[in-house]
Amino acid sequence: MANEDSGTALVNFEALSYEGVFFRAGKRLFEETIVLVPFFGGKRFNLKKHWEFLNDLGFDCVVFNLFDALWKGGPFPLAADGRLGFKHLWADQIEQILNEIQGPKIIFSFSNPSASAMEAIARRRANDVRALICDSGPSGKFWHSMDSYFKHEEPISFLPLRWTAAAVSTIFWNPKVDQSIPQDLKKFPDKFPILSIRGWKDPLIPPEHIDQVFEPHLQLDWRKLSLPEAAHLNGLRDFPDDYKKPVENFLKSVASKS
């Protein structure tokens, strides 16, 4: 564990849930702490390029791990209120992290767990969350994203089995998947700023499936960062010149100088 978090950032292993860690900027310039929400199957060390980039801009960051085996009493992902689905379970975890961090926050989330971040923001009516950045998600067609996942990331060659795995994953993600995200976004305040980052060559969550999430909600101040050559989650790694400056500009437009 020690090596995964090594780098130039100032690491503070104060007590945060879900193995959460503060990465402090060498010189903090902004009041907001950026909370990085990992992608499905990702761990905090997978986001090292992001926290180093954000630290360099002058933001403190918190990175944590999403846990997929915290339910009690059976093999089902149950949230604290008894609802079924990883979306709700992970929203519980994100909300707890937000509760443990003092001051205003910005959430930077990845892939479909961005929907859990939206739920956490909606629960607290964006009271202490100033903005949201979503990289490569979430999908407005969750079943299709899981079908693509089992085609490209964890290949299942037998088509009926792949479709079954996608269907089961969809149920375990959120049985009311088509209703849940719209219900959350309706609770966001007017002009809430969101930056949606998408790769045009994303085989898992194409841009049109992301647009399906945001376009109906006219009260949002949402903006696109389109990366024509990028795929899923590889924008910062492979196209830093196209990625960094728009993200920096967005953050500086929503953050408060300390």
Protein backbone atom coordinates (compact mmCIF):
# COMPACT_ATOMS: atom_id res chain seq x y z
CA MET A 1 0.00 0.00 0.00
CA ALA A 2 2.84 2.39 0.68
CA ASN A 3 4.13 2.41 -2.89
CA GLU A 4 0.79 2.93 -4.58
CA ASP A 5 0.39 6.42 -3.12
CA SER A 6 3.96 7.60 -3.43
CA GLY A 7 4.68 10.80 -5.29
CA THR A 8 5.31 14.48 -4.77
CA ALA A 9 1.97 15.19 -3.03
CA LEU A 10 1.73 15.58 0.71
CA VAL A 11 -0.15 12.51 1.92
CA ASN A 12 -2.26 12.73 5.04
CA PHE A 13 -3.44 9.37 6.36
CA GLU A 14 -6.01 10.87 8.73
CA ALA A 15 -9.01 8.72 9.49
CA LEU A 16 -11.38 8.66 6.52
CA SER A 17 -13.76 5.88 5.63
CA TYR A 18 -13.20 3.45 2.75
CA GLU A 19 -9.43 3.80 2.91
CA GLY A 20 -9.76 7.46 2.04
CA VAL A 21 -6.59 9.53 1.82
CA PHE A 22 -5.95 13.27 1.58
CA PHE A 23 -3.42 14.36 -1.00
CA ARG A 24 -2.48 17.91 -0.13
CA ALA A 25 -1.37 20.47 -2.65
CA GLY A 26 2.14 21.78 -2.14
CA LYS A 27 0.55 25.24 -2.16
CA ARG A 28 -3.20 25.26 -1.65
CA LEU A 29 -4.83 27.95 -3.78
CA PHE A 30 -8.53 27.06 -3.57
CA GLU A 31 -11.03 26.47 -0.77
CA GLU A 32 -12.65 23.43 -2.37
CA THR A 33 -11.38 19.91 -1.80
CA ILE A 34 -11.74 17.70 -4.86
CA VAL A 35 -13.17 14.26 -4.12
CA LEU A 36 -12.16 11.65 -6.69
CA VAL A 37 -14.68 8.82 -7.16
CA PRO A 38 -13.10 5.73 -8.78
CA PHE A 39 -14.47 3.89 -11.79
CA PHE A 40 -15.98 0.41 -11.52
CA GLY A 41 -13.21 -1.96 -10.45
CA GLY A 42 -10.78 0.91 -9.95
CA LYS A 43 -8.79 1.71 -6.85
CA ARG A 44 -7.40 4.97 -5.61
CA PHE A 45 -3.91 4.38 -7.03
CA ASN A 46 -5.47 4.23 -10.54
CA LEU A 47 -6.23 7.94 -10.16
CA LYS A 48 -2.69 9.03 -9.37
CA LYS A 49 -2.29 11.09 -12.55
CA HIS A 50 -5.47 12.95 -11.65
CA TRP A 51 -4.61 13.82 -8.06
CA GLU A 52 -1.11 14.91 -9.09
CA PHE A 53 -2.57 17.12 -11.83
CA LEU A 54 -5.11 18.62 -9.41
CA ASN A 55 -2.49 19.11 -6.67
CA ASP A 56 -0.37 21.00 -9.18
CA LEU A 57 -3.32 23.32 -9.81
CA GLY A 58 -3.51 24.08 -6.08
CA PHE A 59 -6.37 21.78 -4.98
CA ASP A 60 -6.33 19.41 -2.05
CA CYS A 61 -7.74 16.03 -3.06
CA VAL A 62 -9.36 13.06 -1.37
CA VAL A 63 -9.17 9.64 -2.99
CA PHE A 64 -10.88 6.53 -1.62
CA ASN A 65 -11.93 3.04 -2.67
CA LEU A 66 -15.46 2.00 -3.52
CA PHE A 67 -16.30 -1.21 -1.72
CA ASP A 68 -18.57 -3.73 -3.39
CA ALA A 69 -18.92 -6.22 -0.52
CA LEU A 70 -20.25 -4.21 2.40
CA TRP A 71 -23.84 -5.41 2.39
CA LYS A 72 -25.08 -7.50 5.30
CA GLY A 73 -27.22 -10.57 5.53
CA GLY A 74 -26.85 -11.92 2.01
CA PRO A 75 -25.23 -11.69 -1.41
CA PHE A 76 -26.97 -8.50 -2.48
CA PRO A 77 -25.75 -4.89 -2.68
CA LEU A 78 -28.11 -3.19 -0.26
CA ALA A 79 -27.86 0.47 0.66
CA ALA A 80 -28.43 1.75 4.19
CA ASP A 81 -32.11 2.39 3.44
CA GLY A 82 -32.59 -1.16 2.15
CA ARG A 83 -32.68 -0.32 -1.54
CA LEU A 84 -31.04 -2.76 -3.92
CA GLY A 85 -28.21 -1.63 -6.14
CA PHE A 86 -24.58 -0.62 -6.28
CA LYS A 87 -25.67 2.85 -7.36
CA HIS A 88 -27.31 3.39 -3.97
CA LEU A 89 -24.66 1.51 -1.99
CA TRP A 90 -21.87 3.58 -3.49
CA ALA A 91 -23.88 6.78 -3.03
CA ASP A 92 -23.90 5.90 0.69
CA GLN A 93 -20.12 5.60 0.64
CA ILE A 94 -19.62 8.84 -1.29
CA GLU A 95 -21.99 10.67 1.03
CA GLN A 96 -20.09 9.43 4.07
CA ILE A 97 -16.81 10.68 2.58
CA LEU A 98 -18.41 14.06 1.89
CA ASN A 99 -19.63 14.21 5.49
CA GLU A 100 -16.10 13.62 6.77
CA ILE A 101 -14.51 16.47 4.79
CA GLN A 102 -14.91 19.99 6.08
CA GLY A 103 -15.69 22.86 3.77
CA PRO A 104 -16.84 23.03 0.15
CA LYS A 105 -16.19 20.17 -2.24
CA ILE A 106 -15.97 19.45 -5.96
CA ILE A 107 -16.58 15.87 -7.11
CA PHE A 108 -14.54 14.37 -9.95
CA SER A 109 -16.04 11.00 -10.87
CA PHE A 110 -15.36 8.32 -13.44
CA SER A 111 -17.53 6.11 -15.65
CA ASN A 112 -20.84 4.75 -14.32
CA PRO A 113 -20.11 5.43 -10.63
CA SER A 114 -20.68 9.06 -11.64
CA ALA A 115 -24.37 8.19 -11.21
CA SER A 116 -23.67 7.36 -7.56
CA ALA A 117 -21.93 10.71 -7.18
CA MET A 118 -25.01 12.41 -8.62
CA GLU A 119 -27.21 10.61 -6.11
CA ALA A 120 -24.97 11.71 -3.23
CA ILE A 121 -25.13 15.32 -4.45
CA ALA A 122 -28.91 15.12 -4.83
CA ARG A 123 -29.35 13.79 -1.29
CA ARG A 124 -27.63 16.86 0.15
CA ARG A 125 -29.17 19.23 -2.42
CA ALA A 126 -25.65 20.25 -3.46
CA ASN A 127 -25.37 22.09 -0.14
CA ASP A 128 -21.59 21.78 0.04
CA VAL A 129 -20.75 20.52 -3.46
CA ARG A 130 -19.86 23.32 -5.82
CA ALA A 131 -19.49 21.40 -9.09
CA LEU A 132 -19.17 17.98 -10.70
CA ILE A 133 -16.79 16.62 -13.32
CA CYS A 134 -17.76 13.33 -14.98
CA ASP A 135 -15.13 11.51 -17.02
CA SER A 136 -16.45 8.85 -19.45
CA GLY A 137 -19.92 8.53 -18.01
CA PRO A 138 -22.41 7.88 -16.70
CA SER A 139 -24.35 6.02 -19.35
CA GLY A 140 -27.99 6.68 -20.11
CA LYS A 141 -28.14 3.12 -21.43
CA PHE A 142 -26.65 1.09 -18.63
CA TRP A 143 -27.41 -2.35 -20.09
CA HIS A 144 -25.55 -1.40 -23.27
CA SER A 145 -22.52 -0.26 -21.26
CA MET A 146 -22.43 -3.58 -19.41
CA ASP A 147 -22.89 -5.54 -22.64
CA SER A 148 -19.89 -3.64 -24.02
CA TYR A 149 -17.98 -4.26 -20.78
CA PHE A 150 -18.44 -8.01 -21.13
CA LYS A 151 -17.48 -7.72 -24.77
CA HIS A 152 -14.31 -5.65 -24.43
CA GLU A 153 -13.09 -5.65 -20.79
CA GLU A 154 -14.12 -9.04 -19.39
CA PRO A 155 -14.94 -10.91 -22.61
CA ILE A 156 -17.78 -13.42 -22.62
CA SER A 157 -17.83 -14.98 -26.08
CA PHE A 158 -21.14 -16.87 -25.76
CA LEU A 159 -23.69 -14.18 -26.69
CA PRO A 160 -26.66 -15.40 -24.59
CA LEU A 161 -24.40 -15.62 -21.54
CA ARG A 162 -23.01 -12.13 -22.21
CA TRP A 163 -26.50 -10.66 -22.46
CA THR A 164 -27.54 -12.46 -19.29
CA ALA A 165 -24.51 -11.09 -17.45
CA ALA A 166 -25.37 -7.59 -18.66
CA ALA A 167 -28.98 -8.00 -17.52
CA VAL A 168 -28.00 -9.28 -14.07
CA SER A 169 -25.46 -6.47 -13.72
CA THR A 170 -28.14 -3.94 -14.58
CA ILE A 171 -30.47 -5.28 -11.89
CA PHE A 172 -27.66 -5.26 -9.33
CA TRP A 173 -26.67 -1.75 -10.38
CA ASN A 174 -30.17 -0.34 -9.97
CA PRO A 175 -33.48 -2.09 -10.72
CA LYS A 176 -34.99 1.31 -11.62
CA VAL A 177 -32.02 2.44 -13.66
CA ASP A 178 -34.04 4.42 -16.22
CA GLN A 179 -35.75 6.49 -13.53
CA SER A 180 -33.01 6.95 -10.98
CA ILE A 181 -30.59 9.39 -12.63
CA PRO A 182 -33.35 11.73 -13.90
CA GLN A 183 -34.85 11.80 -10.41
CA ASP A 184 -31.46 12.75 -8.96
CA LEU A 185 -30.68 15.46 -11.50
CA LYS A 186 -34.07 17.09 -10.98
CA LYS A 187 -32.93 17.82 -7.42
CA PHE A 188 -29.84 19.73 -8.57
CA PRO A 189 -30.08 23.50 -8.17
CA ASP A 190 -30.40 25.81 -11.14
CA LYS A 191 -27.15 26.51 -12.98
CA PHE A 192 -25.28 23.76 -11.16
CA PRO A 193 -21.97 23.44 -13.08
CA ILE A 194 -21.03 20.08 -14.61
CA LEU A 195 -18.19 19.25 -16.97
CA SER A 196 -18.82 16.11 -19.01
CA ILE A 197 -15.66 14.57 -20.48
CA ARG A 198 -16.12 12.03 -23.27
CA GLY A 199 -13.98 10.17 -25.75
CA TRP A 200 -15.44 9.84 -29.20
CA LYS A 201 -13.90 6.38 -29.54
CA ASP A 202 -15.20 5.06 -26.22
CA PRO A 203 -16.36 1.46 -26.80
CA LEU A 204 -18.15 1.22 -23.44
CA ILE A 205 -20.03 4.52 -23.04
CA PRO A 206 -20.23 6.51 -26.29
CA PRO A 207 -20.91 10.25 -26.17
CA GLU A 208 -24.54 9.93 -27.28
CA HIS A 209 -25.29 7.73 -24.27
CA ILE A 210 -23.79 10.37 -21.98
CA ASP A 211 -25.79 13.13 -23.68
CA GLN A 212 -28.94 11.15 -22.96
CA VAL A 213 -28.24 11.67 -19.24
CA PHE A 214 -27.77 15.43 -19.31
CA GLU A 215 -29.77 16.87 -22.21
CA PRO A 216 -33.25 16.65 -20.61
CA HIS A 217 -32.16 18.75 -17.62
CA LEU A 218 -32.18 22.28 -18.89
CA GLN A 219 -31.60 23.80 -15.44
CA LEU A 220 -28.04 22.45 -15.37
CA ASP A 221 -25.02 24.44 -16.51
CA TRP A 222 -23.36 21.48 -18.16
CA ARG A 223 -20.52 21.65 -20.63
CA LYS A 224 -18.79 19.10 -22.85
CA LEU A 225 -15.12 18.33 -23.18
CA SER A 226 -14.91 16.18 -26.31
CA LEU A 227 -11.76 14.21 -27.02
CA PRO A 228 -11.96 12.93 -30.62
CA GLU A 229 -9.21 10.31 -30.31
CA ALA A 230 -9.85 9.17 -26.74
CA ALA A 231 -11.54 5.96 -25.65
CA HIS A 232 -12.75 5.08 -22.12
CA LEU A 233 -11.01 6.88 -19.25
CA ASN A 234 -7.74 7.44 -21.12
CA GLY A 235 -8.06 11.16 -21.79
CA LEU A 236 -5.56 12.46 -19.23
CA ARG A 237 -3.08 9.65 -19.79
CA ASP A 238 -2.99 9.70 -23.58
CA PHE A 239 -4.13 13.21 -24.51
CA PRO A 240 -2.96 15.49 -21.69
CA ASP A 241 -2.65 18.55 -23.92
CA ASP A 242 -6.32 18.31 -24.87
CA TYR A 243 -7.47 17.34 -21.38
CA LYS A 244 -5.69 19.49 -18.84
CA LYS A 245 -6.38 23.05 -19.94
CA PRO A 246 -10.17 22.71 -20.32
CA VAL A 247 -10.40 20.97 -16.94
CA GLU A 248 -8.25 23.67 -15.37
CA ASN A 249 -10.40 26.41 -16.90
CA PHE A 250 -13.59 24.78 -15.64
CA LEU A 251 -12.23 24.34 -12.12
CA LYS A 252 -11.00 27.90 -11.92
CA SER A 253 -14.43 29.14 -13.05
CA VAL A 254 -16.25 27.34 -10.21
CA ALA A 255 -13.71 27.32 -7.36
CA SER A 256 -13.05 29.96 -4.71
CA LYS A 257 -9.53 31.18 -4.06
CA SER A 258 -8.30 30.49 -0.55
